[in-house]
Amino acid sequence: MFGESVTARGRVLVKICGITNLADALAAIECGSDALGFNFCRGSKRFLDVRREADWMASLPERVSKVAVLVNPTWAEATAAAALPFIDALQLHGDESPEFCQRLAEKGIRFAKAVPVGGKARLADVPHFFTDLVMLDTISGRGFGGTGETFPWSLGRRFVKAHPEYKVIVGGGLTPDNVADAIRTIRPFGVDVTTGVESAPGRKDLRLLYAFFASVRGSDD
């Protein structure tokens, strides 16, 4: 569903987010991506209109998890995204309430909850989101995710050590140059990258993708 097989292989999950086209999806898969993220939030520079892009999305290999990224969705929007036959999980990247998350969990919908890192108060809310998949990302006034900004990794490490029951995915400003340090410091279940492997918003750079995966796999050694 969302990286369950990665644990068995004993390595860090890699999710390439902000995929907007088939060529970039296939490039990410060729490099070894475990999961792809598709931004369903209108207004985003990486918005993907699922009504127009459904055919190629449905053609992607089943072995790669397909994740719908949503920001403050309505209940109808969340359940409609989860019902798409080629979507394996949701990633909630807004201010979704614990009650909203509980309803998704009770419906059996797999999802990750993104939590902005910038203070202990927000991290303390995580146990109430009814999921074992938690994404730590950067607080920014420039939008939800995809900002290219890092957060203090020491906070991420403390959270991982305090909550071994969670599968923690780290995002926020990761690049080929810093992802190995982030992994060694935080020891996460997975990493998530958008801006750090792009030549422009919504356009992946194959050279940066290869470099990113090389850095991640080097940290696995």
Protein backbone atom coordinates (compact mmCIF):
# COMPACT_ATOMS: atom_id res chain seq x y z
CA MET A 1 0.00 0.00 0.00
CA PHE A 2 2.59 2.58 1.06
CA GLY A 3 6.00 1.09 1.56
CA GLU A 4 5.13 -2.07 3.47
CA SER A 5 7.52 -4.09 1.28
CA VAL A 6 10.38 -1.69 1.86
CA THR A 7 10.77 -2.65 5.50
CA ALA A 8 11.32 -6.25 4.52
CA ARG A 9 14.18 -5.17 2.24
CA GLY A 10 15.76 -3.21 5.07
CA ARG A 11 16.22 0.11 3.30
CA VAL A 12 14.84 3.62 3.26
CA LEU A 13 11.67 4.24 1.26
CA VAL A 14 11.94 6.91 -1.44
CA LYS A 15 8.89 8.85 -2.57
CA ILE A 16 9.15 11.26 -5.49
CA CYS A 17 6.42 13.84 -5.14
CA GLY A 18 4.94 16.46 -7.45
CA ILE A 19 4.76 14.12 -10.45
CA THR A 20 2.83 15.81 -13.26
CA ASN A 21 3.48 13.70 -16.35
CA LEU A 22 4.19 10.17 -17.55
CA ALA A 23 7.81 10.79 -18.54
CA ASP A 24 8.71 11.97 -15.04
CA ALA A 25 6.82 9.09 -13.44
CA LEU A 26 8.71 6.55 -15.53
CA ALA A 27 12.03 8.27 -14.86
CA ALA A 28 11.41 8.14 -11.10
CA ILE A 29 10.46 4.46 -11.33
CA GLU A 30 13.56 3.70 -13.42
CA CYS A 31 15.70 5.28 -10.72
CA GLY A 32 14.10 3.06 -8.07
CA SER A 33 11.27 5.07 -6.56
CA ASP A 34 9.04 3.15 -4.15
CA ALA A 35 6.19 5.67 -4.27
CA LEU A 36 5.01 8.55 -6.43
CA GLY A 37 3.08 11.56 -5.18
CA PHE A 38 0.43 13.35 -7.26
CA ASN A 39 -0.75 16.77 -6.14
CA PHE A 40 -4.54 17.00 -6.34
CA CYS A 41 -4.62 20.49 -4.78
CA ARG A 42 -5.87 23.14 -7.20
CA GLY A 43 -3.72 26.24 -7.17
CA SER A 44 -0.52 24.28 -6.69
CA LYS A 45 2.25 24.73 -9.25
CA ARG A 46 2.25 20.94 -9.49
CA PHE A 47 -1.51 20.38 -9.66
CA LEU A 48 -2.45 17.30 -11.64
CA ASP A 49 -5.96 17.08 -13.09
CA VAL A 50 -6.82 13.43 -12.56
CA ARG A 51 -9.71 13.62 -15.02
CA ARG A 52 -7.29 14.36 -17.87
CA GLU A 53 -4.35 12.26 -16.69
CA ALA A 54 -6.10 9.10 -15.48
CA ASP A 55 -5.10 6.92 -18.44
CA TRP A 56 -1.35 7.13 -17.98
CA MET A 57 -1.65 7.07 -14.18
CA ALA A 58 -3.56 3.79 -14.43
CA SER A 59 -0.80 2.35 -16.63
CA LEU A 60 1.93 2.71 -13.99
CA PRO A 61 3.36 -0.47 -12.43
CA GLU A 62 1.43 -1.85 -9.46
CA ARG A 63 4.65 -2.37 -7.49
CA VAL A 64 5.01 1.41 -7.06
CA SER A 65 2.68 3.06 -4.56
CA LYS A 66 0.64 5.93 -5.96
CA VAL A 67 -0.19 8.62 -3.41
CA ALA A 68 -2.75 11.42 -3.79
CA VAL A 69 -1.56 14.57 -2.02
CA LEU A 70 -4.46 16.62 -0.62
CA VAL A 71 -4.60 19.89 1.31
CA ASN A 72 -7.62 20.40 3.56
CA PRO A 73 -9.92 18.25 1.40
CA THR A 74 -13.61 17.89 2.01
CA TRP A 75 -14.79 14.44 3.00
CA ALA A 76 -16.15 13.91 -0.52
CA GLU A 77 -12.83 14.92 -2.09
CA ALA A 78 -10.81 12.64 0.17
CA THR A 79 -13.00 9.58 -0.34
CA ALA A 80 -13.22 10.18 -4.09
CA ALA A 81 -9.42 10.30 -4.36
CA ALA A 82 -9.06 7.16 -2.25
CA ALA A 83 -11.58 5.35 -4.46
CA LEU A 84 -9.55 5.86 -7.63
CA PRO A 85 -8.35 2.41 -8.76
CA PHE A 86 -4.77 3.58 -9.29
CA ILE A 87 -4.42 5.42 -5.94
CA ASP A 88 -3.04 3.38 -3.04
CA ALA A 89 -2.99 5.97 -0.28
CA LEU A 90 -3.61 9.60 0.60
CA GLN A 91 -1.18 12.15 1.97
CA LEU A 92 -2.93 14.85 4.00
CA HIS A 93 -0.82 17.98 3.83
CA GLY A 94 -3.05 20.60 5.40
CA ASP A 95 -4.74 21.30 8.74
CA GLU A 96 -6.93 18.21 8.70
CA SER A 97 -8.44 17.54 12.11
CA PRO A 98 -7.96 14.39 14.19
CA GLU A 99 -11.70 13.73 13.77
CA PHE A 100 -11.33 13.84 9.98
CA CYS A 101 -8.39 11.44 10.15
CA GLN A 102 -10.31 9.11 12.44
CA ARG A 103 -13.14 8.89 9.91
CA LEU A 104 -10.66 7.92 7.19
CA ALA A 105 -9.09 5.28 9.43
CA GLU A 106 -12.49 3.85 10.33
CA LYS A 107 -13.31 3.62 6.61
CA GLY A 108 -10.11 1.64 6.05
CA ILE A 109 -8.45 4.32 3.90
CA ARG A 110 -4.66 4.24 4.06
CA PHE A 111 -3.14 7.68 4.58
CA ALA A 112 -0.11 9.58 5.79
CA LYS A 113 -0.43 12.79 7.77
CA ALA A 114 2.07 15.56 7.13
CA VAL A 115 3.05 17.54 10.21
CA PRO A 116 4.95 20.84 9.97
CA VAL A 117 8.04 20.83 12.16
CA GLY A 118 8.77 24.02 13.99
CA GLY A 119 7.82 23.34 17.55
CA LYS A 120 7.09 20.55 19.98
CA ALA A 121 3.40 21.46 20.16
CA ARG A 122 2.68 20.32 16.59
CA LEU A 123 4.71 17.12 16.95
CA ALA A 124 2.82 16.35 20.14
CA ASP A 125 -0.40 16.25 18.09
CA VAL A 126 0.74 13.30 15.99
CA PRO A 127 -0.62 10.48 18.19
CA HIS A 128 -4.12 11.82 17.55
CA PHE A 129 -4.05 11.48 13.76
CA PHE A 130 -4.99 7.77 13.66
CA THR A 131 -2.22 6.66 11.29
CA ASP A 132 1.21 5.11 11.64
CA LEU A 133 2.49 6.97 8.58
CA VAL A 134 3.74 10.42 9.55
CA MET A 135 5.50 12.90 7.29
CA LEU A 136 7.66 15.57 8.89
CA ASP A 137 7.88 18.67 6.71
CA THR A 138 8.90 22.30 7.00
CA ILE A 139 6.69 25.08 8.33
CA SER A 140 6.58 27.77 5.66
CA GLY A 141 4.50 30.80 4.83
CA ARG A 142 4.92 29.95 1.13
CA GLY A 143 2.60 26.98 0.99
CA PHE A 144 2.08 23.36 1.97
CA GLY A 145 5.15 21.34 0.95
CA GLY A 146 7.37 21.71 -2.10
CA THR A 147 9.02 24.83 -0.68
CA GLY A 148 12.59 23.56 -0.82
CA GLU A 149 13.21 24.53 2.81
CA THR A 150 14.64 22.22 5.47
CA PHE A 151 13.68 21.98 9.15
CA PRO A 152 15.95 21.29 12.17
CA TRP A 153 16.75 17.62 11.76
CA SER A 154 17.49 17.27 15.45
CA LEU A 155 13.75 17.65 16.09
CA GLY A 156 13.05 14.87 13.63
CA ARG A 157 15.57 12.59 15.31
CA ARG A 158 14.04 13.21 18.71
CA PHE A 159 10.60 12.39 17.37
CA VAL A 160 11.77 9.14 15.73
CA LYS A 161 13.48 8.02 18.92
CA ALA A 162 10.44 8.88 21.04
CA HIS A 163 7.94 7.20 18.70
CA PRO A 164 9.33 3.95 17.24
CA GLU A 165 5.75 2.87 16.52
CA TYR A 166 5.50 5.36 13.62
CA LYS A 167 6.80 5.07 10.08
CA VAL A 168 8.33 8.51 9.73
CA ILE A 169 8.84 10.00 6.29
CA VAL A 170 11.03 13.09 6.07
CA GLY A 171 10.44 15.86 3.55
CA GLY A 172 11.30 19.51 3.34
CA GLY A 173 14.25 20.77 1.32
CA LEU A 174 15.92 17.44 0.61
CA THR A 175 18.45 17.38 -2.24
CA PRO A 176 21.10 15.01 -3.58
CA ASP A 177 23.61 16.94 -1.48
CA ASN A 178 21.89 16.71 1.91
CA VAL A 179 19.63 13.65 1.88
CA ALA A 180 22.32 11.26 3.14
CA ASP A 181 22.99 13.53 6.13
CA ALA A 182 19.24 13.76 6.81
CA ILE A 183 18.93 9.96 6.81
CA ARG A 184 21.95 9.44 9.05
CA THR A 185 20.71 12.08 11.50
CA ILE A 186 17.00 11.26 11.66
CA ARG A 187 16.98 7.54 10.75
CA PRO A 188 13.54 7.75 9.09
CA PHE A 189 11.42 5.08 7.49
CA GLY A 190 11.43 7.08 4.27
CA VAL A 191 12.29 10.31 2.48
CA ASP A 192 10.13 12.49 0.26
CA VAL A 193 11.46 14.92 -2.34
CA THR A 194 9.89 17.39 -4.73
CA THR A 195 11.84 20.57 -5.44
CA GLY A 196 15.26 18.99 -4.92
CA VAL A 197 15.00 16.89 -8.08
CA GLU A 198 13.36 19.45 -10.36
CA SER A 199 14.60 21.67 -13.17
CA ALA A 200 11.37 23.70 -12.81
CA PRO A 201 8.18 23.28 -10.75
CA GLY A 202 6.54 20.04 -11.87
CA ARG A 203 9.43 19.03 -14.16
CA LYS A 204 11.86 16.42 -12.85
CA ASP A 205 15.55 16.45 -13.77
CA LEU A 206 16.90 12.97 -14.58
CA ARG A 207 20.42 13.90 -13.51
CA LEU A 208 19.17 15.09 -10.12
CA LEU A 209 16.98 11.99 -9.74
CA TYR A 210 19.95 9.67 -10.28
CA ALA A 211 22.08 11.71 -7.90
CA PHE A 212 19.37 11.69 -5.24
CA PHE A 213 18.96 7.91 -5.37
CA ALA A 214 22.71 7.39 -5.31
CA SER A 215 22.93 9.48 -2.14
CA VAL A 216 20.04 7.61 -0.49
CA ARG A 217 21.42 4.18 -1.33
CA GLY A 218 24.87 5.24 -0.16
CA SER A 219 23.38 6.04 3.22
CA ASP A 220 21.88 2.52 3.37
CA ASP A 221 25.33 0.96 3.38
